Amino acid sequence: MEQDVQPVSASKLVQMAEQLSSAELDRLAQELATLRARRNAPLLSEDESALFATINQRLSEADRQRLAHLSERRHREELTSTEHCELLELQQRLEELHTSRMKALAQLAQLRGVTLANLMIQLGIQFPDHA
């Protein structure tokens, strides 16, 4: 027997999401980004889908918070040598993500026959986003 599914408001979803752990919230955000990409372009090829998966990658919320915290400590000149190494590692991971994302964006632009700048405008992507 099928049940009627009642629509849920965005504000109710946000309230529910506030109860999630950081890891669960990151997973939800990734799944929502994938859903959004599917809805915006329902006829994506396998190549485009793979590129969007790369484009939507981000540092985890925990890593973004840690990066912000360490960056602030560096700004205040309070970093320990261990924290400095951790900051460099997080910055390297962020840079690698950005590089992968930009390569995927360039490939997607080429597939779609548009400039990279136009594609980024179409997708609402601005760099750097520090995420």
Protein backbone atom coordinates (compact mmCIF):
# COMPACT_ATOMS: atom_id res chain seq x y z
CA MET A 1 0.00 0.00 0.00
CA GLU A 2 1.46 3.37 -1.05
CA GLN A 3 1.48 6.22 1.39
CA ASP A 4 0.98 9.80 0.34
CA VAL A 5 4.23 11.69 0.75
CA GLN A 6 3.73 15.16 2.14
CA PRO A 7 6.09 17.85 0.86
CA VAL A 8 8.56 19.15 3.41
CA SER A 9 9.52 22.82 3.48
CA ALA A 10 13.11 23.93 3.09
CA SER A 11 13.03 25.49 6.57
CA LYS A 12 11.90 22.15 8.06
CA LEU A 13 14.72 20.37 6.25
CA VAL A 14 17.22 22.88 7.64
CA GLN A 15 15.86 22.30 11.15
CA MET A 16 16.30 18.58 10.65
CA ALA A 17 19.80 19.06 9.24
CA GLU A 18 20.82 21.04 12.33
CA GLN A 19 20.53 17.80 14.29
CA LEU A 20 23.10 15.98 12.12
CA SER A 21 26.72 15.45 13.02
CA SER A 22 29.32 17.29 10.94
CA ALA A 23 30.10 14.11 9.00
CA GLU A 24 26.43 13.45 8.29
CA LEU A 25 25.95 17.08 7.28
CA ASP A 26 28.88 16.83 4.84
CA ARG A 27 27.35 13.68 3.35
CA LEU A 28 23.96 15.36 3.05
CA ALA A 29 25.53 18.42 1.39
CA GLN A 30 27.31 16.20 -1.14
CA GLU A 31 24.11 14.29 -1.90
CA LEU A 32 22.15 17.55 -2.27
CA ALA A 33 24.81 18.94 -4.63
CA THR A 34 24.53 15.77 -6.70
CA LEU A 35 20.73 16.01 -6.71
CA ARG A 36 20.88 19.66 -7.74
CA ALA A 37 23.28 18.87 -10.57
CA ARG A 38 20.99 16.05 -11.76
CA ARG A 39 17.94 18.32 -11.73
CA ASN A 40 19.71 21.19 -13.46
CA ALA A 41 20.95 18.92 -16.20
CA PRO A 42 18.87 15.73 -16.14
CA LEU A 43 20.48 14.35 -19.29
CA LEU A 44 24.09 14.33 -18.17
CA SER A 45 26.41 11.97 -19.94
CA GLU A 46 28.61 9.66 -17.91
CA ASP A 47 31.55 11.98 -18.58
CA GLU A 48 29.60 15.02 -17.36
CA SER A 49 28.40 13.16 -14.26
CA ALA A 50 31.97 12.18 -13.38
CA LEU A 51 33.13 15.77 -13.92
CA PHE A 52 30.34 17.11 -11.70
CA ALA A 53 31.34 14.64 -8.98
CA THR A 54 34.84 16.14 -9.06
CA ILE A 55 33.56 19.73 -9.29
CA ASN A 56 31.37 19.23 -6.21
CA GLN A 57 34.18 17.92 -3.99
CA ARG A 58 34.95 20.00 -0.91
CA LEU A 59 36.97 19.74 2.25
CA SER A 60 34.89 18.30 5.05
CA GLU A 61 33.25 20.75 7.43
CA ALA A 62 35.65 19.66 10.16
CA ASP A 63 38.66 20.32 7.90
CA ARG A 64 37.27 23.73 6.84
CA GLN A 65 36.77 24.71 10.48
CA ARG A 66 40.24 23.48 11.42
CA LEU A 67 41.78 25.38 8.48
CA ALA A 68 40.01 28.58 9.57
CA HIS A 69 41.12 28.08 13.17
CA LEU A 70 44.74 27.44 12.23
CA SER A 71 44.74 30.35 9.79
CA GLU A 72 43.51 32.64 12.55
CA ARG A 73 46.20 31.34 14.93
CA ARG A 74 48.81 31.95 12.23
CA HIS A 75 47.50 35.47 11.73
CA ARG A 76 47.88 36.06 15.50
CA GLU A 77 51.36 34.42 15.32
CA GLU A 78 50.34 31.73 17.83
CA LEU A 79 50.96 28.58 15.78
CA THR A 80 53.03 25.76 17.20
CA SER A 81 55.34 23.93 14.80
CA THR A 82 52.93 20.97 14.78
CA GLU A 83 50.00 23.24 13.97
CA HIS A 84 52.04 24.90 11.23
CA CYS A 85 52.64 21.51 9.61
CA GLU A 86 48.92 20.70 9.92
CA LEU A 87 48.01 24.06 8.37
CA LEU A 88 50.36 23.45 5.45
CA GLU A 89 48.87 19.99 4.93
CA LEU A 90 45.30 21.35 4.93
CA GLN A 91 46.27 24.15 2.55
CA GLN A 92 47.91 21.59 0.24
CA ARG A 93 44.76 19.44 0.25
CA LEU A 94 42.63 22.50 -0.48
CA GLU A 95 44.91 23.49 -3.34
CA GLU A 96 44.76 19.95 -4.77
CA LEU A 97 40.96 20.02 -4.59
CA HIS A 98 40.86 23.38 -6.37
CA THR A 99 43.22 22.09 -9.05
CA SER A 100 41.08 18.98 -9.62
CA ARG A 101 37.92 21.07 -9.67
CA MET A 102 39.35 23.57 -12.15
CA LYS A 103 40.56 20.78 -14.47
CA ALA A 104 37.10 19.18 -14.33
CA LEU A 105 35.44 22.55 -15.00
CA ALA A 106 37.73 23.12 -18.00
CA GLN A 107 36.90 19.65 -19.35
CA LEU A 108 33.17 20.25 -18.84
CA ALA A 109 33.41 23.60 -20.60
CA GLN A 110 35.15 21.93 -23.53
CA LEU A 111 32.49 19.18 -23.66
CA ARG A 112 29.73 21.78 -23.70
CA GLY A 113 31.50 24.08 -26.17
CA VAL A 114 31.56 27.12 -23.88
CA THR A 115 34.32 29.12 -22.27
CA LEU A 116 35.41 28.26 -18.76
CA ALA A 117 34.32 31.71 -17.57
CA ASN A 118 30.84 31.27 -19.06
CA LEU A 119 30.47 27.79 -17.57
CA MET A 120 31.44 29.08 -14.13
CA ILE A 121 28.86 31.85 -14.45
CA GLN A 122 26.20 29.34 -15.55
CA LEU A 123 26.97 27.11 -12.57
CA GLY A 124 27.33 30.00 -10.11
CA ILE A 125 30.89 29.02 -9.22
CA GLN A 126 33.39 31.55 -7.93
CA PHE A 127 36.94 30.87 -6.85
CA PRO A 128 38.51 30.90 -4.45
CA ASP A 129 35.76 29.56 -2.23
CA HIS A 130 38.03 28.21 0.52
CA ALA A 131 36.01 25.01 0.71
